[in-house]
C-alpha atoms as a PDB file:
ATOM      1  CA  MET A   1     -64.651  46.513 -27.187  1.00  0.00           C
ATOM      2  CA  GLN A   2     -61.092  46.153 -25.926  1.00  0.00           C
ATOM      3  CA  LEU A   3     -60.494  48.254 -22.814  1.00  0.00           C
ATOM      4  CA  PRO A   4     -56.898  49.109 -21.855  1.00  0.00           C
ATOM      5  CA  ALA A   5     -55.817  47.016 -18.852  1.00  0.00           C
ATOM      6  CA  PRO A   6     -55.991  49.747 -16.168  1.00  0.00           C
ATOM      7  CA  ILE A   7     -59.436  50.842 -17.371  1.00  0.00           C
ATOM      8  CA  ARG A   8     -60.647  47.236 -17.404  1.00  0.00           C
ATOM      9  CA  THR A   9     -59.366  46.900 -13.813  1.00  0.00           C
ATOM     10  CA  TYR A  10     -61.255  50.067 -12.849  1.00  0.00           C
ATOM     11  CA  PHE A  11     -64.571  48.754 -14.196  1.00  0.00           C
ATOM     12  CA  GLU A  12     -64.162  45.169 -12.959  1.00  0.00           C
ATOM     13  CA  ALA A  13     -62.838  45.824  -9.435  1.00  0.00           C
ATOM     14  CA  GLN A  14     -65.153  44.935  -6.559  1.00  0.00           C
ATOM     15  CA  PRO A  15     -64.648  45.946  -2.935  1.00  0.00           C
ATOM     16  CA  PRO A  16     -63.083  44.916  -0.703  1.00  0.00           C
ATOM     17  CA  GLN A  17     -61.163  42.119  -2.432  1.00  0.00           C
ATOM     18  CA  ASP A  18     -59.940  44.175  -5.406  1.00  0.00           C
ATOM     19  CA  ALA A  19     -58.889  47.326  -3.529  1.00  0.00           C
ATOM     20  CA  GLU A  20     -55.164  46.721  -4.044  1.00  0.00           C
ATOM     21  CA  ALA A  21     -55.605  46.037  -7.763  1.00  0.00           C
ATOM     22  CA  LEU A  22     -57.733  49.171  -8.142  1.00  0.00           C
ATOM     23  CA  ALA A  23     -55.162  51.313  -6.329  1.00  0.00           C
ATOM     24  CA  ALA A  24     -52.365  49.857  -8.488  1.00  0.00           C
ATOM     25  CA  ALA A  25     -54.235  50.843 -11.669  1.00  0.00           C
ATOM     26  CA  PHE A  26     -53.720  54.529 -10.752  1.00  0.00           C
ATOM     27  CA  ALA A  27     -50.453  56.456 -10.942  1.00  0.00           C
ATOM     28  CA  PRO A  28     -49.164  57.611  -7.512  1.00  0.00           C
ATOM     29  CA  ASP A  29     -50.034  61.243  -8.329  1.00  0.00           C
ATOM     30  CA  ALA A  30     -53.315  60.522 -10.146  1.00  0.00           C
ATOM     31  CA  VAL A  31     -56.336  62.809  -9.865  1.00  0.00           C
ATOM     32  CA  VAL A  32     -60.035  61.836  -9.917  1.00  0.00           C
ATOM     33  CA  ARG A  33     -62.843  64.353 -10.359  1.00  0.00           C
ATOM     34  CA  ASP A  34     -66.346  63.126  -9.482  1.00  0.00           C
ATOM     35  CA  GLU A  35     -69.452  64.793  -8.052  1.00  0.00           C
ATOM     36  CA  HIS A  36     -67.734  68.225  -7.936  1.00  0.00           C
ATOM     37  CA  ARG A  37     -64.895  66.882  -5.784  1.00  0.00           C
ATOM     38  CA  THR A  38     -61.245  66.215  -6.537  1.00  0.00           C
ATOM     39  CA  HIS A  39     -59.340  63.266  -5.091  1.00  0.00           C
ATOM     40  CA  ARG A  40     -55.537  63.247  -5.379  1.00  0.00           C
ATOM     41  CA  GLY A  41     -53.139  60.373  -4.939  1.00  0.00           C
ATOM     42  CA  ALA A  42     -53.668  56.675  -4.403  1.00  0.00           C
ATOM     43  CA  GLU A  43     -54.829  56.938  -0.786  1.00  0.00           C
ATOM     44  CA  GLU A  44     -57.555  59.528  -1.469  1.00  0.00           C
ATOM     45  CA  ILE A  45     -58.648  57.753  -4.653  1.00  0.00           C
ATOM     46  CA  LEU A  46     -58.964  54.414  -2.872  1.00  0.00           C
ATOM     47  CA  ALA A  47     -60.945  56.017  -0.027  1.00  0.00           C
ATOM     48  CA  TRP A  48     -63.261  57.721  -2.582  1.00  0.00           C
ATOM     49  CA  TRP A  49     -63.795  54.457  -4.485  1.00  0.00           C
ATOM     50  CA  GLN A  50     -64.550  52.432  -1.352  1.00  0.00           C
ATOM     51  CA  ALA A  51     -66.952  55.077   0.007  1.00  0.00           C
ATOM     52  CA  ALA A  52     -68.792  55.363  -3.323  1.00  0.00           C
ATOM     53  CA  LYS A  53     -69.126  51.580  -3.635  1.00  0.00           C
ATOM     54  CA  ALA A  54     -70.460  51.352  -0.068  1.00  0.00           C
ATOM     55  CA  GLN A  55     -72.902  54.253  -0.489  1.00  0.00           C
ATOM     56  CA  TYR A  56     -74.295  53.529  -3.951  1.00  0.00           C
ATOM     57  CA  ARG A  57     -73.581  49.785  -4.348  1.00  0.00           C
ATOM     58  CA  HIS A  58     -73.203  50.532  -8.022  1.00  0.00           C
ATOM     59  CA  LYS A  59     -71.823  48.727 -11.012  1.00  0.00           C
ATOM     60  CA  ALA A  60     -70.809  50.209 -14.348  1.00  0.00           C
ATOM     61  CA  GLU A  61     -71.154  48.437 -17.682  1.00  0.00           C
ATOM     62  CA  PRO A  62     -68.983  49.980 -20.423  1.00  0.00           C
ATOM     63  CA  LEU A  63     -70.990  50.703 -23.573  1.00  0.00           C
ATOM     64  CA  ASP A  64     -68.424  52.227 -25.920  1.00  0.00           C
ATOM     65  CA  LEU A  65     -64.929  53.623 -26.065  1.00  0.00           C
ATOM     66  CA  THR A  66     -63.576  56.570 -28.060  1.00  0.00           C
ATOM     67  CA  GLN A  67     -60.427  58.679 -28.100  1.00  0.00           C
ATOM     68  CA  ALA A  68     -60.610  62.471 -27.747  1.00  0.00           C
ATOM     69  CA  ALA A  69     -57.862  65.021 -27.108  1.00  0.00           C
ATOM     70  CA  GLY A  70     -55.406  62.339 -25.976  1.00  0.00           C
ATOM     71  CA  LYS A  71     -57.885  60.823 -23.517  1.00  0.00           C
ATOM     72  CA  THR A  72     -59.797  57.544 -23.496  1.00  0.00           C
ATOM     73  CA  VAL A  73     -63.522  58.202 -23.142  1.00  0.00           C
ATOM     74  CA  VAL A  74     -65.823  55.402 -21.983  1.00  0.00           C
ATOM     75  CA  ARG A  75     -69.582  55.756 -21.804  1.00  0.00           C
ATOM     76  CA  ALA A  76     -71.005  53.328 -19.263  1.00  0.00           C
ATOM     77  CA  ARG A  77     -74.421  52.376 -17.913  1.00  0.00           C
ATOM     78  CA  VAL A  78     -74.208  52.810 -14.146  1.00  0.00           C
ATOM     79  CA  SER A  79     -76.824  51.194 -11.922  1.00  0.00           C
ATOM     80  CA  GLY A  80     -77.083  51.153  -8.161  1.00  0.00           C
ATOM     81  CA  ASP A  81     -78.748  52.774  -5.175  1.00  0.00           C
ATOM     82  CA  PHE A  82     -79.056  56.366  -6.420  1.00  0.00           C
ATOM     83  CA  PRO A  83     -81.826  58.498  -7.937  1.00  0.00           C
ATOM     84  CA  GLY A  84     -82.140  58.065 -11.691  1.00  0.00           C
ATOM     85  CA  SER A  85     -80.537  54.623 -11.756  1.00  0.00           C
ATOM     86  CA  PRO A  86     -79.568  53.399 -14.243  1.00  0.00           C
ATOM     87  CA  ALA A  87     -77.772  56.366 -15.787  1.00  0.00           C
ATOM     88  CA  THR A  88     -75.294  56.679 -18.634  1.00  0.00           C
ATOM     89  CA  LEU A  89     -72.142  58.428 -17.436  1.00  0.00           C
ATOM     90  CA  THR A  90     -68.985  59.458 -19.249  1.00  0.00           C
ATOM     91  CA  PHE A  91     -65.627  58.384 -17.810  1.00  0.00           C
ATOM     92  CA  THR A  92     -62.697  60.303 -19.296  1.00  0.00           C
ATOM     93  CA  PHE A  93     -59.364  58.630 -18.533  1.00  0.00           C
ATOM     94  CA  GLY A  94     -55.840  59.934 -18.948  1.00  0.00           C
ATOM     95  CA  LEU A  95     -53.318  57.133 -19.265  1.00  0.00           C
ATOM     96  CA  ALA A  96     -49.540  56.908 -19.036  1.00  0.00           C
ATOM     97  CA  GLY A  97     -48.164  53.455 -19.701  1.00  0.00           C
ATOM     98  CA  ASP A  98     -50.164  50.973 -17.663  1.00  0.00           C
ATOM     99  CA  ARG A  99     -51.565  53.495 -15.164  1.00  0.00           C
ATOM    100  CA  ILE A 100     -54.487  55.895 -14.961  1.00  0.00           C
ATOM    101  CA  THR A 101     -53.194  59.439 -14.445  1.00  0.00           C
ATOM    102  CA  ASP A 102     -56.525  61.195 -14.297  1.00  0.00           C
ATOM    103  CA  LEU A 103     -60.229  60.383 -14.398  1.00  0.00           C
ATOM    104  CA  GLU A 104     -63.218  62.659 -14.731  1.00  0.00           C
ATOM    105  CA  ILE A 105     -66.729  61.247 -14.328  1.00  0.00           C
ATOM    106  CA  ARG A 106     -69.726  63.142 -15.701  1.00  0.00           C
END
């Protein structure tokens, strides 16, 4: 499975060393929706990502990739310190050029 570069960066980034690369994968006005919360812009998205990594110590292994309604949809097995681990979650990415414009995790 060939992931687009910004999506590959998202799944491979590890804190704290890859924080700048992760932030650069998102457009300046990107939006992330996860756990019933919305995070807007690079600063909020980076803070969300670092907090989630610290809290859940999770990793996500992409299983498959599809296209739907102009979005890139990746199902991934997520394991970490949370109830029900591992779980299969759906990551729906909007892309523009080499940046993530939006991400919804369900």
